[in-house]
Amino acid sequence: MNILNNWKMLDLVTRDGEALVCIEGRVYGSNPRFPSSSHIRTSPITGYSLDANSMVVTTKRGSEYLLGKPDPSQTFAQQRLMRRLSRLSPNAASGFDELESQLTGFDESAHDQEPAAVKLG
């Protein structure tokens, strides 16, 4: 499973006024689409679960990401993300194809760094 570190939540609104939540961060793992430590933006988040005291988010495209360390500027990032996702309507991510996971940058120097996961509680 891919891990997202240095992540932050993005609140987005479609042209139709639908609220979406995406996450940007550095991805670590085995996804062949993204070299390790690439900076990505996920497709809209459709759900989450707590797995062994860590948070796993699911995207509209069916990808799953284990959330590691959030961006240091994002105070209480995980709690804010859970609260924000609980306010979305069940079909908030439907009918919006413009946002897909995308490579937004690649840091060659961070390529061999090990990912870090955040423990809750």
C-alpha atoms as a PDB file:
ATOM      1  CA  MET A   1       0.000   0.000   0.000  1.00  0.00           C
ATOM      2  CA  ASN A   2       1.252   3.466  -0.819  1.00  0.00           C
ATOM      3  CA  ILE A   3       2.037   5.877   2.006  1.00  0.00           C
ATOM      4  CA  LEU A   4       1.453   9.633   1.783  1.00  0.00           C
ATOM      5  CA  ASN A   5       3.797  11.782   3.853  1.00  0.00           C
ATOM      6  CA  ASN A   6       3.926  15.553   4.227  1.00  0.00           C
ATOM      7  CA  TRP A   7       0.272  15.540   3.196  1.00  0.00           C
ATOM      8  CA  LYS A   8      -2.388  18.185   3.383  1.00  0.00           C
ATOM      9  CA  MET A   9      -6.118  18.221   2.755  1.00  0.00           C
ATOM     10  CA  LEU A  10      -7.518  20.202  -0.156  1.00  0.00           C
ATOM     11  CA  ASP A  11     -11.114  21.452  -0.111  1.00  0.00           C
ATOM     12  CA  LEU A  12     -12.326  21.776  -3.703  1.00  0.00           C
ATOM     13  CA  VAL A  13     -15.630  22.758  -5.270  1.00  0.00           C
ATOM     14  CA  THR A  14     -16.811  21.663  -8.727  1.00  0.00           C
ATOM     15  CA  ARG A  15     -18.460  24.005 -11.219  1.00  0.00           C
ATOM     16  CA  ASP A  16     -21.758  22.499 -10.054  1.00  0.00           C
ATOM     17  CA  GLY A  17     -21.057  23.443  -6.439  1.00  0.00           C
ATOM     18  CA  GLU A  18     -20.207  19.944  -5.196  1.00  0.00           C
ATOM     19  CA  ALA A  19     -17.692  19.847  -2.347  1.00  0.00           C
ATOM     20  CA  LEU A  20     -14.738  17.469  -2.778  1.00  0.00           C
ATOM     21  CA  VAL A  21     -11.763  16.593  -0.621  1.00  0.00           C
ATOM     22  CA  CYS A  22      -8.430  15.577  -2.148  1.00  0.00           C
ATOM     23  CA  ILE A  23      -5.044  15.088  -0.533  1.00  0.00           C
ATOM     24  CA  GLU A  24      -1.650  16.266  -1.718  1.00  0.00           C
ATOM     25  CA  GLY A  25       1.579  14.792  -0.457  1.00  0.00           C
ATOM     26  CA  ARG A  26       4.696  12.755  -1.149  1.00  0.00           C
ATOM     27  CA  VAL A  27       3.917   9.170  -2.098  1.00  0.00           C
ATOM     28  CA  TYR A  28       6.068   6.206  -1.079  1.00  0.00           C
ATOM     29  CA  GLY A  29       5.363   2.665  -2.166  1.00  0.00           C
ATOM     30  CA  SER A  30       5.105   0.359  -5.132  1.00  0.00           C
ATOM     31  CA  ASN A  31       2.749   2.244  -7.461  1.00  0.00           C
ATOM     32  CA  PRO A  32       4.438   2.122 -10.901  1.00  0.00           C
ATOM     33  CA  ARG A  33       2.667   5.360 -11.904  1.00  0.00           C
ATOM     34  CA  PHE A  34       4.573   7.384  -9.314  1.00  0.00           C
ATOM     35  CA  PRO A  35       8.287   7.120  -8.520  1.00  0.00           C
ATOM     36  CA  SER A  36       8.863   7.006  -4.756  1.00  0.00           C
ATOM     37  CA  SER A  37       8.779  10.472  -3.135  1.00  0.00           C
ATOM     38  CA  SER A  38       6.761  11.959  -6.010  1.00  0.00           C
ATOM     39  CA  HIS A  39       4.448  14.782  -5.037  1.00  0.00           C
ATOM     40  CA  ILE A  40       0.876  13.812  -5.996  1.00  0.00           C
ATOM     41  CA  ARG A  41      -2.707  14.950  -5.650  1.00  0.00           C
ATOM     42  CA  THR A  42      -5.228  12.159  -5.139  1.00  0.00           C
ATOM     43  CA  SER A  43      -8.561  11.892  -6.851  1.00  0.00           C
ATOM     44  CA  PRO A  44     -11.446  12.855  -4.527  1.00  0.00           C
ATOM     45  CA  ILE A  45     -11.516  10.980  -1.220  1.00  0.00           C
ATOM     46  CA  THR A  46     -14.606   8.795  -0.865  1.00  0.00           C
ATOM     47  CA  GLY A  47     -13.932   7.181   2.505  1.00  0.00           C
ATOM     48  CA  TYR A  48     -11.477   6.274   5.200  1.00  0.00           C
ATOM     49  CA  SER A  49     -10.788   3.587   7.752  1.00  0.00           C
ATOM     50  CA  LEU A  50      -8.564   3.233  10.770  1.00  0.00           C
ATOM     51  CA  ASP A  51      -6.128   0.364  10.291  1.00  0.00           C
ATOM     52  CA  ALA A  52      -3.792  -0.607  13.146  1.00  0.00           C
ATOM     53  CA  ASN A  53      -3.998   2.901  14.623  1.00  0.00           C
ATOM     54  CA  SER A  54      -3.268   4.508  11.237  1.00  0.00           C
ATOM     55  CA  MET A  55      -5.651   6.152   8.805  1.00  0.00           C
ATOM     56  CA  VAL A  56      -6.206   4.724   5.324  1.00  0.00           C
ATOM     57  CA  VAL A  57      -8.100   6.820   2.767  1.00  0.00           C
ATOM     58  CA  THR A  58      -9.876   5.506  -0.326  1.00  0.00           C
ATOM     59  CA  THR A  59     -10.165   7.602  -3.469  1.00  0.00           C
ATOM     60  CA  LYS A  60     -12.816   7.799  -6.164  1.00  0.00           C
ATOM     61  CA  ARG A  61     -10.517   5.830  -8.479  1.00  0.00           C
ATOM     62  CA  GLY A  62     -10.249   3.039  -5.895  1.00  0.00           C
ATOM     63  CA  SER A  63      -6.709   3.763  -4.705  1.00  0.00           C
ATOM     64  CA  GLU A  64      -5.868   3.403  -1.041  1.00  0.00           C
ATOM     65  CA  TYR A  65      -3.248   5.442   0.781  1.00  0.00           C
ATOM     66  CA  LEU A  66      -1.916   5.074   4.290  1.00  0.00           C
ATOM     67  CA  LEU A  67      -1.547   8.572   5.712  1.00  0.00           C
ATOM     68  CA  GLY A  68       1.866   9.129   7.227  1.00  0.00           C
ATOM     69  CA  LYS A  69       3.156  12.385   8.666  1.00  0.00           C
ATOM     70  CA  PRO A  70       1.066  15.424   7.709  1.00  0.00           C
ATOM     71  CA  ASP A  71       2.533  18.703   6.498  1.00  0.00           C
ATOM     72  CA  PRO A  72       3.974  20.438   9.597  1.00  0.00           C
ATOM     73  CA  SER A  73       1.841  23.529   8.913  1.00  0.00           C
ATOM     74  CA  GLN A  74      -1.375  21.483   9.122  1.00  0.00           C
ATOM     75  CA  THR A  75      -2.385  21.477  12.799  1.00  0.00           C
ATOM     76  CA  PHE A  76      -4.573  18.482  13.743  1.00  0.00           C
ATOM     77  CA  ALA A  77      -4.640  17.448  10.059  1.00  0.00           C
ATOM     78  CA  GLN A  78      -6.020  13.952  10.591  1.00  0.00           C
ATOM     79  CA  GLN A  79      -8.822  15.070  12.890  1.00  0.00           C
ATOM     80  CA  ARG A  80      -9.748  17.896  10.497  1.00  0.00           C
ATOM     81  CA  LEU A  81      -9.792  15.438   7.567  1.00  0.00           C
ATOM     82  CA  MET A  82     -12.095  12.997   9.394  1.00  0.00           C
ATOM     83  CA  ARG A  83     -14.440  15.814  10.411  1.00  0.00           C
ATOM     84  CA  ARG A  84     -14.475  17.198   6.864  1.00  0.00           C
ATOM     85  CA  LEU A  85     -15.169  13.803   5.277  1.00  0.00           C
ATOM     86  CA  SER A  86     -18.047  13.177   7.686  1.00  0.00           C
ATOM     87  CA  ARG A  87     -19.769  16.325   6.359  1.00  0.00           C
ATOM     88  CA  LEU A  88     -19.623  15.313   2.690  1.00  0.00           C
ATOM     89  CA  SER A  89     -22.742  13.853   1.153  1.00  0.00           C
ATOM     90  CA  PRO A  90     -22.493  10.166   0.171  1.00  0.00           C
ATOM     91  CA  ASN A  91     -22.369  11.016  -3.538  1.00  0.00           C
ATOM     92  CA  ALA A  92     -20.194  14.134  -3.274  1.00  0.00           C
ATOM     93  CA  ALA A  93     -17.495  12.684  -5.509  1.00  0.00           C
ATOM     94  CA  SER A  94     -19.802  11.424  -8.253  1.00  0.00           C
ATOM     95  CA  GLY A  95     -19.862  12.909 -11.728  1.00  0.00           C
ATOM     96  CA  PHE A  96     -16.584  14.808 -11.551  1.00  0.00           C
ATOM     97  CA  ASP A  97     -13.790  13.410 -13.719  1.00  0.00           C
ATOM     98  CA  GLU A  98     -11.489  16.414 -14.055  1.00  0.00           C
ATOM     99  CA  LEU A  99      -9.569  15.568 -10.886  1.00  0.00           C
ATOM    100  CA  GLU A 100      -7.507  12.406 -11.115  1.00  0.00           C
ATOM    101  CA  SER A 101      -4.372  11.394  -9.269  1.00  0.00           C
ATOM    102  CA  GLN A 102      -1.548  13.270 -10.880  1.00  0.00           C
ATOM    103  CA  LEU A 103       2.186  13.682 -10.550  1.00  0.00           C
ATOM    104  CA  THR A 104       2.893  17.249  -9.446  1.00  0.00           C
ATOM    105  CA  GLY A 105       6.608  16.965  -8.693  1.00  0.00           C
ATOM    106  CA  PHE A 106       9.489  14.591  -8.043  1.00  0.00           C
ATOM    107  CA  ASP A 107      12.340  15.041  -5.583  1.00  0.00           C
ATOM    108  CA  GLU A 108      15.216  12.839  -6.756  1.00  0.00           C
ATOM    109  CA  SER A 109      17.157  13.413  -3.511  1.00  0.00           C
ATOM    110  CA  ALA A 110      14.307  11.940  -1.437  1.00  0.00           C
ATOM    111  CA  HIS A 111      13.960   8.862  -3.672  1.00  0.00           C
ATOM    112  CA  ASP A 112      15.612   6.445  -1.232  1.00  0.00           C
ATOM    113  CA  GLN A 113      14.068   7.737   1.995  1.00  0.00           C
ATOM    114  CA  GLU A 114      11.973   5.357   4.020  1.00  0.00           C
ATOM    115  CA  PRO A 115       8.339   6.314   4.588  1.00  0.00           C
ATOM    116  CA  ALA A 116       7.092   7.058   8.065  1.00  0.00           C
ATOM    117  CA  ALA A 117       3.613   6.232   9.339  1.00  0.00           C
ATOM    118  CA  VAL A 118       1.789   8.140  12.040  1.00  0.00           C
ATOM    119  CA  LYS A 119       0.212   6.304  14.947  1.00  0.00           C
ATOM    120  CA  LEU A 120      -3.053   7.566  16.386  1.00  0.00           C
ATOM    121  CA  GLY A 121      -3.799   7.839  20.072  1.00  0.00           C
END
